[in-house]
Amino acid sequence: MISTDKEKSSLQKITVNLPPETIAVLKRLADQQGITATAALRKAIATEDFLRREAVNKEAKVLIQEPNGTTKQVVFI
């Protein structure tokens, strides 16, 4: 994705301290999707926000169905 000048000017830079294990996960997510670590972090934040708005706040369930038909519930704490 190419950022426009307007999009770039609205960005804010922050600094976070993450343990090596979390950095490794972030890099793996980025590599799997062919995106930058920054883009992977944005997607992770957007996913958490979506799941909380759509499931947690509405007291709905998030389910994962495996290929063998087994269903697991994802529980947010």
PDB file of N, CA and C in Angstrom:
ATOM      1  N   MET A   1       0.846  -1.168   0.000  1.00  0.00           N
ATOM      2  CA  MET A   1       0.000   0.000   0.000  1.00  0.00           C
ATOM      3  C   MET A   1       0.894   1.234   0.000  1.00  0.00           C
ATOM      4  N   ILE A   2       0.551   2.204  -0.819  1.00  0.00           N
ATOM      5  CA  ILE A   2       1.308   3.445  -0.904  1.00  0.00           C
ATOM      6  C   ILE A   2       0.598   4.511  -0.087  1.00  0.00           C
ATOM      7  N   SER A   3       1.338   5.175   0.806  1.00  0.00           N
ATOM      8  CA  SER A   3       0.758   6.224   1.644  1.00  0.00           C
ATOM      9  C   SER A   3       0.809   7.553   0.911  1.00  0.00           C
ATOM     10  N   THR A   4      -0.258   8.328   1.036  1.00  0.00           N
ATOM     11  CA  THR A   4      -0.268   9.662   0.469  1.00  0.00           C
ATOM     12  C   THR A   4       0.390  10.622   1.449  1.00  0.00           C
ATOM     13  N   ASP A   5       0.725  11.834   0.971  1.00  0.00           N
ATOM     14  CA  ASP A   5       1.328  12.841   1.849  1.00  0.00           C
ATOM     15  C   ASP A   5       0.384  13.176   3.005  1.00  0.00           C
ATOM     16  N   LYS A   6      -0.932  13.220   2.717  1.00  0.00           N
ATOM     17  CA  LYS A   6      -1.901  13.543   3.762  1.00  0.00           C
ATOM     18  C   LYS A   6      -1.895  12.458   4.843  1.00  0.00           C
ATOM     19  N   GLU A   7      -1.850  11.178   4.420  1.00  0.00           N
ATOM     20  CA  GLU A   7      -1.809  10.084   5.381  1.00  0.00           C
ATOM     21  C   GLU A   7      -0.534  10.132   6.212  1.00  0.00           C
ATOM     22  N   LYS A   8       0.581  10.419   5.571  1.00  0.00           N
ATOM     23  CA  LYS A   8       1.852  10.490   6.282  1.00  0.00           C
ATOM     24  C   LYS A   8       1.854  11.608   7.310  1.00  0.00           C
ATOM     25  N   SER A   9       1.247  12.737   6.986  1.00  0.00           N
ATOM     26  CA  SER A   9       1.262  13.871   7.899  1.00  0.00           C
ATOM     27  C   SER A   9       0.372  13.630   9.112  1.00  0.00           C
ATOM     28  N   SER A  10      -0.576  12.692   9.005  1.00  0.00           N
ATOM     29  CA  SER A  10      -1.456  12.421  10.133  1.00  0.00           C
ATOM     30  C   SER A  10      -0.910  11.319  11.048  1.00  0.00           C
ATOM     31  N   LEU A  11       0.202  10.729  10.682  1.00  0.00           N
ATOM     32  CA  LEU A  11       0.790   9.666  11.487  1.00  0.00           C
ATOM     33  C   LEU A  11       1.541  10.253  12.670  1.00  0.00           C
ATOM     34  N   GLN A  12       1.505   9.519  13.785  1.00  0.00           N
ATOM     35  CA  GLN A  12       2.265   9.906  14.962  1.00  0.00           C
ATOM     36  C   GLN A  12       3.214   8.773  15.300  1.00  0.00           C
ATOM     37  N   LYS A  13       4.419   9.117  15.651  1.00  0.00           N
ATOM     38  CA  LYS A  13       5.412   8.121  16.011  1.00  0.00           C
ATOM     39  C   LYS A  13       5.372   7.894  17.516  1.00  0.00           C
ATOM     40  N   ILE A  14       5.383   6.607  17.913  1.00  0.00           N
ATOM     41  CA  ILE A  14       5.458   6.264  19.325  1.00  0.00           C
ATOM     42  C   ILE A  14       6.593   5.262  19.520  1.00  0.00           C
ATOM     43  N   THR A  15       7.043   5.147  20.725  1.00  0.00           N
ATOM     44  CA  THR A  15       8.075   4.173  21.061  1.00  0.00           C
ATOM     45  C   THR A  15       7.496   3.208  22.078  1.00  0.00           C
ATOM     46  N   VAL A  16       7.689   1.920  21.834  1.00  0.00           N
ATOM     47  CA  VAL A  16       7.223   0.907  22.776  1.00  0.00           C
ATOM     48  C   VAL A  16       8.382  -0.026  23.111  1.00  0.00           C
ATOM     49  N   ASN A  17       8.333  -0.577  24.288  1.00  0.00           N
ATOM     50  CA  ASN A  17       9.326  -1.563  24.715  1.00  0.00           C
ATOM     51  C   ASN A  17       8.666  -2.927  24.721  1.00  0.00           C
ATOM     52  N   LEU A  18       9.184  -3.834  23.906  1.00  0.00           N
ATOM     53  CA  LEU A  18       8.610  -5.167  23.784  1.00  0.00           C
ATOM     54  C   LEU A  18       9.680  -6.216  24.062  1.00  0.00           C
ATOM     55  N   PRO A  19       9.291  -7.318  24.704  1.00  0.00           N
ATOM     56  CA  PRO A  19      10.255  -8.390  24.932  1.00  0.00           C
ATOM     57  C   PRO A  19      10.609  -9.074  23.613  1.00  0.00           C
ATOM     58  N   PRO A  20      11.756  -9.727  23.570  1.00  0.00           N
ATOM     59  CA  PRO A  20      12.197 -10.389  22.329  1.00  0.00           C
ATOM     60  C   PRO A  20      11.172 -11.365  21.756  1.00  0.00           C
ATOM     61  N   GLU A  21      10.434 -12.057  22.616  1.00  0.00           N
ATOM     62  CA  GLU A  21       9.435 -13.026  22.127  1.00  0.00           C
ATOM     63  C   GLU A  21       8.329 -12.318  21.349  1.00  0.00           C
ATOM     64  N   THR A  22       7.926 -11.156  21.816  1.00  0.00           N
ATOM     65  CA  THR A  22       6.870 -10.404  21.139  1.00  0.00           C
ATOM     66  C   THR A  22       7.378  -9.846  19.817  1.00  0.00           C
ATOM     67  N   ILE A  23       8.614  -9.392  19.799  1.00  0.00           N
ATOM     68  CA  ILE A  23       9.235  -8.909  18.550  1.00  0.00           C
ATOM     69  C   ILE A  23       9.285 -10.043  17.530  1.00  0.00           C
ATOM     70  N   ALA A  24       9.634 -11.239  17.995  1.00  0.00           N
ATOM     71  CA  ALA A  24       9.701 -12.390  17.082  1.00  0.00           C
ATOM     72  C   ALA A  24       8.331 -12.693  16.497  1.00  0.00           C
ATOM     73  N   VAL A  25       7.280 -12.627  17.307  1.00  0.00           N
ATOM     74  CA  VAL A  25       5.922 -12.863  16.814  1.00  0.00           C
ATOM     75  C   VAL A  25       5.542 -11.795  15.797  1.00  0.00           C
ATOM     76  N   LEU A  26       5.843 -10.540  16.105  1.00  0.00           N
ATOM     77  CA  LEU A  26       5.531  -9.437  15.193  1.00  0.00           C
ATOM     78  C   LEU A  26       6.231  -9.634  13.851  1.00  0.00           C
ATOM     79  N   LYS A  27       7.495  -9.997  13.888  1.00  0.00           N
ATOM     80  CA  LYS A  27       8.245 -10.230  12.642  1.00  0.00           C
ATOM     81  C   LYS A  27       7.671 -11.408  11.874  1.00  0.00           C
ATOM     82  N   ARG A  28       7.286 -12.473  12.593  1.00  0.00           N
ATOM     83  CA  ARG A  28       6.698 -13.636  11.924  1.00  0.00           C
ATOM     84  C   ARG A  28       5.389 -13.263  11.245  1.00  0.00           C
ATOM     85  N   LEU A  29       4.540 -12.502  11.939  1.00  0.00           N
ATOM     86  CA  LEU A  29       3.271 -12.058  11.347  1.00  0.00           C
ATOM     87  C   LEU A  29       3.517 -11.219  10.101  1.00  0.00           C
ATOM     88  N   ALA A  30       4.487 -10.324  10.184  1.00  0.00           N
ATOM     89  CA  ALA A  30       4.810  -9.471   9.037  1.00  0.00           C
ATOM     90  C   ALA A  30       5.310 -10.314   7.868  1.00  0.00           C
ATOM     91  N   ASP A  31       6.224 -11.245   8.140  1.00  0.00           N
ATOM     92  CA  ASP A  31       6.777 -12.098   7.079  1.00  0.00           C
ATOM     93  C   ASP A  31       5.700 -12.961   6.430  1.00  0.00           C
ATOM     94  N   GLN A  32       4.806 -13.528   7.244  1.00  0.00           N
ATOM     95  CA  GLN A  32       3.752 -14.392   6.710  1.00  0.00           C
ATOM     96  C   GLN A  32       2.824 -13.640   5.760  1.00  0.00           C
ATOM     97  N   GLN A  33       2.652 -12.348   6.013  1.00  0.00           N
ATOM     98  CA  GLN A  33       1.725 -11.554   5.210  1.00  0.00           C
ATOM     99  C   GLN A  33       2.424 -10.700   4.159  1.00  0.00           C
ATOM    100  N   GLY A  34       3.749 -10.705   4.184  1.00  0.00           N
ATOM    101  CA  GLY A  34       4.501  -9.903   3.224  1.00  0.00           C
ATOM    102  C   GLY A  34       4.324  -8.412   3.446  1.00  0.00           C
ATOM    103  N   ILE A  35       4.228  -8.018   4.722  1.00  0.00           N
ATOM    104  CA  ILE A  35       4.045  -6.611   5.064  1.00  0.00           C
ATOM    105  C   ILE A  35       5.118  -6.190   6.069  1.00  0.00           C
ATOM    106  N   THR A  36       5.175  -4.909   6.351  1.00  0.00           N
ATOM    107  CA  THR A  36       6.148  -4.414   7.323  1.00  0.00           C
ATOM    108  C   THR A  36       5.684  -4.734   8.740  1.00  0.00           C
ATOM    109  N   ALA A  37       6.612  -4.664   9.674  1.00  0.00           N
ATOM    110  CA  ALA A  37       6.268  -4.865  11.076  1.00  0.00           C
ATOM    111  C   ALA A  37       5.269  -3.799  11.526  1.00  0.00           C
ATOM    112  N   THR A  38       5.416  -2.579  11.026  1.00  0.00           N
ATOM    113  CA  THR A  38       4.488  -1.504  11.372  1.00  0.00           C
ATOM    114  C   THR A  38       3.075  -1.853  10.905  1.00  0.00           C
ATOM    115  N   ALA A  39       2.955  -2.334   9.681  1.00  0.00           N
ATOM    116  CA  ALA A  39       1.642  -2.713   9.152  1.00  0.00           C
ATOM    117  C   ALA A  39       1.065  -3.891   9.935  1.00  0.00           C
ATOM    118  N   ALA A  40       1.906  -4.849  10.309  1.00  0.00           N
ATOM    119  CA  ALA A  40       1.439  -5.997  11.094  1.00  0.00           C
ATOM    120  C   ALA A  40       0.941  -5.539  12.462  1.00  0.00           C
ATOM    121  N   LEU A  41       1.633  -4.591  13.061  1.00  0.00           N
ATOM    122  CA  LEU A  41       1.206  -4.064  14.355  1.00  0.00           C
ATOM    123  C   LEU A  41      -0.121  -3.329  14.226  1.00  0.00           C
ATOM    124  N   ARG A  42      -0.278  -2.546  13.165  1.00  0.00           N
ATOM    125  CA  ARG A  42      -1.555  -1.860  12.928  1.00  0.00           C
ATOM    126  C   ARG A  42      -2.692  -2.856  12.786  1.00  0.00           C
ATOM    127  N   LYS A  43      -2.450  -3.939  12.023  1.00  0.00           N
ATOM    128  CA  LYS A  43      -3.483  -4.953  11.832  1.00  0.00           C
ATOM    129  C   LYS A  43      -3.824  -5.652  13.137  1.00  0.00           C
ATOM    130  N   ALA A  44      -2.819  -5.923  13.955  1.00  0.00           N
ATOM    131  CA  ALA A  44      -3.056  -6.582  15.242  1.00  0.00           C
ATOM    132  C   ALA A  44      -3.911  -5.702  16.145  1.00  0.00           C
ATOM    133  N   ILE A  45      -3.621  -4.418  16.163  1.00  0.00           N
ATOM    134  CA  ILE A  45      -4.404  -3.480  16.972  1.00  0.00           C
ATOM    135  C   ILE A  45      -5.829  -3.396  16.446  1.00  0.00           C
ATOM    136  N   ALA A  46      -5.987  -3.317  15.132  1.00  0.00           N
ATOM    137  CA  ALA A  46      -7.322  -3.244  14.531  1.00  0.00           C
ATOM    138  C   ALA A  46      -8.115  -4.522  14.802  1.00  0.00           C
ATOM    139  N   THR A  47      -7.451  -5.662  14.775  1.00  0.00           N
ATOM    140  CA  THR A  47      -8.119  -6.935  15.043  1.00  0.00           C
ATOM    141  C   THR A  47      -8.603  -6.994  16.489  1.00  0.00           C
ATOM    142  N   GLU A  48      -7.750  -6.608  17.431  1.00  0.00           N
ATOM    143  CA  GLU A  48      -8.153  -6.574  18.845  1.00  0.00           C
ATOM    144  C   GLU A  48      -9.337  -5.645  19.042  1.00  0.00           C
ATOM    145  N   ASP A  49      -9.283  -4.481  18.421  1.00  0.00           N
ATOM    146  CA  ASP A  49     -10.381  -3.513  18.540  1.00  0.00           C
ATOM    147  C   ASP A  49     -11.677  -4.105  17.984  1.00  0.00           C
ATOM    148  N   PHE A  50     -11.607  -4.711  16.814  1.00  0.00           N
ATOM    149  CA  PHE A  50     -12.786  -5.317  16.193  1.00  0.00           C
ATOM    150  C   PHE A  50     -13.371  -6.401  17.081  1.00  0.00           C
ATOM    151  N   LEU A  51     -12.523  -7.308  17.562  1.00  0.00           N
ATOM    152  CA  LEU A  51     -13.012  -8.410  18.381  1.00  0.00           C
ATOM    153  C   LEU A  51     -13.649  -7.906  19.673  1.00  0.00           C
ATOM    154  N   ARG A  52     -13.076  -6.903  20.275  1.00  0.00           N
ATOM    155  CA  ARG A  52     -13.653  -6.363  21.514  1.00  0.00           C
ATOM    156  C   ARG A  52     -14.989  -5.666  21.240  1.00  0.00           C
ATOM    157  N   ARG A  53     -15.070  -4.897  20.148  1.00  0.00           N
ATOM    158  CA  ARG A  53     -16.325  -4.210  19.822  1.00  0.00           C
ATOM    159  C   ARG A  53     -17.418  -5.195  19.439  1.00  0.00           C
ATOM    160  N   GLU A  54     -17.069  -6.185  18.638  1.00  0.00           N
ATOM    161  CA  GLU A  54     -18.074  -7.096  18.088  1.00  0.00           C
ATOM    162  C   GLU A  54     -18.391  -8.279  18.992  1.00  0.00           C
ATOM    163  N   ALA A  55     -17.470  -8.687  19.826  1.00  0.00           N
ATOM    164  CA  ALA A  55     -17.718  -9.869  20.646  1.00  0.00           C
ATOM    165  C   ALA A  55     -17.796  -9.536  22.120  1.00  0.00           C
ATOM    166  N   VAL A  56     -16.744  -9.018  22.660  1.00  0.00           N
ATOM    167  CA  VAL A  56     -16.672  -8.795  24.101  1.00  0.00           C
ATOM    168  C   VAL A  56     -17.739  -7.809  24.556  1.00  0.00           C
ATOM    169  N   ASN A  57     -17.819  -6.662  23.917  1.00  0.00           N
ATOM    170  CA  ASN A  57     -18.773  -5.636  24.336  1.00  0.00           C
ATOM    171  C   ASN A  57     -20.225  -6.058  24.124  1.00  0.00           C
ATOM    172  N   LYS A  58     -20.455  -6.944  23.189  1.00  0.00           N
ATOM    173  CA  LYS A  58     -21.816  -7.414  22.901  1.00  0.00           C
ATOM    174  C   LYS A  58     -22.100  -8.766  23.541  1.00  0.00           C
ATOM    175  N   GLU A  59     -21.157  -9.238  24.337  1.00  0.00           N
ATOM    176  CA  GLU A  59     -21.263 -10.536  24.997  1.00  0.00           C
ATOM    177  C   GLU A  59     -21.524 -11.660  23.998  1.00  0.00           C
ATOM    178  N   ALA A  60     -20.909 -11.562  22.833  1.00  0.00           N
ATOM    179  CA  ALA A  60     -21.009 -12.602  21.813  1.00  0.00           C
ATOM    180  C   ALA A  60     -19.848 -13.573  21.983  1.00  0.00           C
ATOM    181  N   LYS A  61     -19.834 -14.629  21.198  1.00  0.00           N
ATOM    182  CA  LYS A  61     -18.771 -15.626  21.263  1.00  0.00           C
ATOM    183  C   LYS A  61     -17.912 -15.560  20.007  1.00  0.00           C
ATOM    184  N   VAL A  62     -16.628 -15.792  20.185  1.00  0.00           N
ATOM    185  CA  VAL A  62     -15.714 -15.933  19.064  1.00  0.00           C
ATOM    186  C   VAL A  62     -15.337 -17.407  19.018  1.00  0.00           C
ATOM    187  N   LEU A  63     -15.613 -18.042  17.878  1.00  0.00           N
ATOM    188  CA  LEU A  63     -15.384 -19.472  17.741  1.00  0.00           C
ATOM    189  C   LEU A  63     -14.398 -19.752  16.622  1.00  0.00           C
ATOM    190  N   ILE A  64     -13.597 -20.800  16.834  1.00  0.00           N
ATOM    191  CA  ILE A  64     -12.682 -21.276  15.796  1.00  0.00           C
ATOM    192  C   ILE A  64     -13.068 -22.708  15.492  1.00  0.00           C
ATOM    193  N   GLN A  65     -13.336 -22.977  14.222  1.00  0.00           N
ATOM    194  CA  GLN A  65     -13.678 -24.339  13.833  1.00  0.00           C
ATOM    195  C   GLN A  65     -12.506 -24.939  13.076  1.00  0.00           C
ATOM    196  N   GLU A  66     -12.009 -26.053  13.579  1.00  0.00           N
ATOM    197  CA  GLU A  66     -10.890 -26.743  12.949  1.00  0.00           C
ATOM    198  C   GLU A  66     -11.390 -27.573  11.773  1.00  0.00           C
ATOM    199  N   PRO A  67     -10.483 -27.954  10.869  1.00  0.00           N
ATOM    200  CA  PRO A  67     -10.900 -28.733   9.698  1.00  0.00           C
ATOM    201  C   PRO A  67     -11.646 -30.031  10.047  1.00  0.00           C
ATOM    202  N   ASN A  68     -11.341 -30.602  11.220  1.00  0.00           N
ATOM    203  CA  ASN A  68     -12.008 -31.854  11.600  1.00  0.00           C
ATOM    204  C   ASN A  68     -13.389 -31.619  12.221  1.00  0.00           C
ATOM    205  N   GLY A  69     -13.832 -30.341  12.281  1.00  0.00           N
ATOM    206  CA  GLY A  69     -15.144 -30.018  12.810  1.00  0.00           C
ATOM    207  C   GLY A  69     -15.150 -29.617  14.276  1.00  0.00           C
ATOM    208  N   THR A  70     -14.019 -29.798  14.961  1.00  0.00           N
ATOM    209  CA  THR A  70     -13.926 -29.397  16.362  1.00  0.00           C
ATOM    210  C   THR A  70     -14.043 -27.884  16.460  1.00  0.00           C
ATOM    211  N   THR A  71     -14.870 -27.422  17.389  1.00  0.00           N
ATOM    212  CA  THR A  71     -15.057 -25.986  17.588  1.00  0.00           C
ATOM    213  C   THR A  71     -14.507 -25.603  18.945  1.00  0.00           C
ATOM    214  N   LYS A  72     -13.736 -24.500  18.961  1.00  0.00           N
ATOM    215  CA  LYS A  72     -13.174 -23.971  20.196  1.00  0.00           C
ATOM    216  C   LYS A  72     -13.662 -22.537  20.369  1.00  0.00           C
ATOM    217  N   GLN A  73     -13.889 -22.156  21.612  1.00  0.00           N
ATOM    218  CA  GLN A  73     -14.283 -20.779  21.901  1.00  0.00           C
ATOM    219  C   GLN A  73     -13.053 -19.996  22.347  1.00  0.00           C
ATOM    220  N   VAL A  74     -12.896 -18.795  21.809  1.00  0.00           N
ATOM    221  CA  VAL A  74     -11.831 -17.897  22.226  1.00  0.00           C
ATOM    222  C   VAL A  74     -12.388 -17.038  23.355  1.00  0.00           C
ATOM    223  N   VAL A  75     -11.724 -17.056  24.510  1.00  0.00           N
ATOM    224  CA  VAL A  75     -12.189 -16.324  25.665  1.00  0.00           C
ATOM    225  C   VAL A  75     -11.257 -15.140  25.918  1.00  0.00           C
ATOM    226  N   PHE A  76     -11.822 -13.933  26.010  1.00  0.00           N
ATOM    227  CA  PHE A  76     -11.047 -12.735  26.289  1.00  0.00           C
ATOM    228  C   PHE A  76     -11.126 -12.426  27.774  1.00  0.00           C
ATOM    229  N   ILE A  77      -9.981 -12.095  28.349  1.00  0.00           N
ATOM    230  CA  ILE A  77      -9.969 -11.754  29.774  1.00  0.00           C
ATOM    231  C   ILE A  77      -9.541 -10.312  29.950  1.00  0.00           C
TER     232      ILE A  77
END
